Protein backbone atom coordinates (compact mmCIF):
# COMPACT_ATOMS: atom_id res chain seq x y z
CA MET A 1 -3.19 -40.78 -6.08
CA LEU A 2 -2.16 -40.27 -9.70
CA PHE A 3 -2.42 -36.51 -9.16
CA PHE A 4 0.14 -36.70 -6.37
CA ALA A 5 2.38 -38.95 -8.48
CA LEU A 6 2.32 -36.34 -11.24
CA LEU A 7 2.94 -33.56 -8.71
CA ASP A 8 5.98 -35.38 -7.35
CA PHE A 9 7.39 -36.07 -10.82
CA VAL A 10 6.95 -32.45 -11.89
CA TYR A 11 8.52 -31.25 -8.65
CA CYS A 12 11.45 -33.62 -9.26
CA VAL A 13 12.05 -32.05 -12.67
CA GLY A 14 11.80 -28.60 -11.11
CA LEU A 15 14.46 -29.46 -8.56
CA MET A 16 16.74 -30.99 -11.21
CA THR A 17 16.54 -27.88 -13.39
CA ARG A 18 16.64 -25.26 -10.62
CA PRO A 19 19.24 -22.60 -11.55
CA ARG A 20 21.93 -21.60 -9.10
CA PRO A 21 22.44 -19.75 -6.83
CA TYR A 22 19.76 -21.21 -4.65
CA ALA A 23 17.75 -18.88 -2.47
CA GLY A 24 15.31 -19.23 0.40
CA VAL A 25 14.05 -22.70 1.19
CA TYR A 26 15.97 -24.19 -1.73
CA ALA A 27 19.21 -22.97 -0.17
CA SER A 28 18.20 -24.45 3.17
CA ALA A 29 17.31 -27.77 1.52
CA ALA A 30 20.62 -27.77 -0.35
CA HIS A 31 22.44 -27.37 2.99
CA VAL A 32 20.86 -30.62 4.20
CA VAL A 33 21.57 -32.62 1.03
CA PRO A 34 22.13 -31.56 -2.60
CA LEU A 35 18.98 -30.72 -4.54
CA TRP A 36 19.54 -33.61 -6.93
CA VAL A 37 19.16 -35.98 -3.94
CA TRP A 38 15.88 -34.28 -3.07
CA ALA A 39 14.84 -34.63 -6.71
CA TYR A 40 15.47 -38.38 -6.66
CA LEU A 41 13.51 -38.63 -3.41
CA TRP A 42 10.56 -36.87 -5.04
CA ALA A 43 10.86 -39.19 -8.05
CA ALA A 44 10.96 -42.27 -5.80
CA VAL A 45 7.80 -41.18 -3.99
CA GLY A 46 6.20 -40.45 -7.38
CA ILE A 47 6.98 -44.00 -8.49
CA ILE A 48 5.59 -45.41 -5.24
CA LEU A 49 2.42 -43.37 -5.73
CA PHE A 50 2.06 -44.46 -9.35
CA VAL A 51 2.39 -48.13 -8.41
CA GLY A 52 0.12 -47.64 -5.40
CA ALA A 53 -2.58 -46.15 -7.61
CA PHE A 54 -2.95 -49.49 -9.39
CA SER A 55 -2.59 -51.83 -6.40
CA ARG A 56 -6.02 -52.11 -4.88
CA GLY A 57 -6.03 -52.37 -1.13
CA GLN A 58 -2.23 -52.10 -0.93
CA ASP A 59 -1.89 -48.33 -1.17
CA THR A 60 -1.19 -47.52 2.48
CA TRP A 61 2.58 -47.20 2.03
CA ALA A 62 2.11 -44.95 -0.97
CA PHE A 63 -0.04 -42.59 1.08
CA VAL A 64 2.44 -42.72 3.97
CA ALA A 65 5.36 -41.90 1.63
CA ALA A 66 3.43 -39.00 0.09
CA MET A 67 2.48 -37.56 3.47
CA ALA A 68 5.97 -37.97 4.92
CA LEU A 69 7.72 -36.23 2.03
CA LYS A 70 5.29 -33.33 2.02
CA MET A 71 5.59 -32.96 5.81
CA LEU A 72 9.39 -33.00 5.51
CA TRP A 73 9.32 -30.41 2.72
CA GLY A 74 6.93 -28.24 4.74
CA SER A 75 9.21 -28.54 7.76
CA LEU A 76 12.14 -27.29 5.68
CA GLY A 77 10.12 -24.19 4.84
CA PHE A 78 9.10 -23.69 8.45
CA PHE A 79 12.68 -23.94 9.72
CA ALA A 80 13.96 -21.71 6.92
CA TRP A 81 11.45 -19.11 8.12
CA ILE A 82 12.40 -19.56 11.78
CA ASN A 83 16.12 -19.26 10.94
CA GLY A 84 15.52 -16.16 8.83
CA ASP A 85 16.69 -17.83 5.59
CA ASP A 86 13.36 -17.23 3.86
CA PRO A 87 10.86 -14.59 5.02
CA PHE A 88 8.09 -16.50 3.22
CA GLY A 89 9.04 -19.93 4.56
CA TYR A 90 5.85 -19.96 6.63
CA LEU A 91 3.84 -19.82 3.41
CA TRP A 92 5.88 -22.68 1.98
CA ALA A 93 5.16 -24.66 5.16
CA VAL A 94 1.42 -23.98 5.05
CA VAL A 95 1.17 -25.09 1.41
CA TRP A 96 3.09 -28.35 1.88
CA PHE A 97 1.46 -29.16 5.22
CA GLY A 98 -1.86 -28.54 3.47
CA PHE A 99 -0.93 -31.01 0.74
CA ALA A 100 0.07 -33.55 3.42
CA TYR A 101 -3.31 -33.08 5.09
CA LEU A 102 -5.05 -33.49 1.74
CA VAL A 103 -3.22 -36.79 1.18
CA HIS A 104 -4.20 -37.85 4.71
CA THR A 105 -7.84 -37.00 4.06
CA ILE A 106 -7.94 -38.80 0.71
CA ALA A 107 -6.30 -41.83 2.31
CA GLY A 108 -9.17 -42.00 4.79
CA GLY A 109 -7.35 -40.67 7.81
CA ILE A 110 -5.89 -42.74 10.58
CA PRO A 111 -7.74 -46.01 11.03
CA THR A 112 -9.26 -46.64 14.43
CA SER A 113 -7.99 -49.50 16.52
CA PRO A 114 -10.10 -52.70 16.57
CA GLY A 115 -12.98 -52.51 19.00
CA ARG A 116 -13.01 -48.72 19.07
CA GLU A 117 -15.33 -46.68 16.92
CA ARG A 118 -15.02 -43.06 15.88
């Protein structure tokens, strides 16, 4: 979980220092909200992950936040590719969806309902 916290903090800094003009997925993301808002979102998830790494048994929300942000970021890439804003948006989507799946796997997947075994 600390790895993902570090990843999110580094990505936050990258978004804060991204030079203009924005291109590709960054331009698409900036059309939704300014990149500094995205940066603060990445920082917030990084903080949640950092705290979650040290709260034993109470890390579910940290994993959910990490997966949700990475799925959202991957979706931006996918839609940038579909809209023709970034010809490599599909690659962006695959990478971030892959990170979301990695978080899901590390978290232990989706728990089964009581009385039902895998």
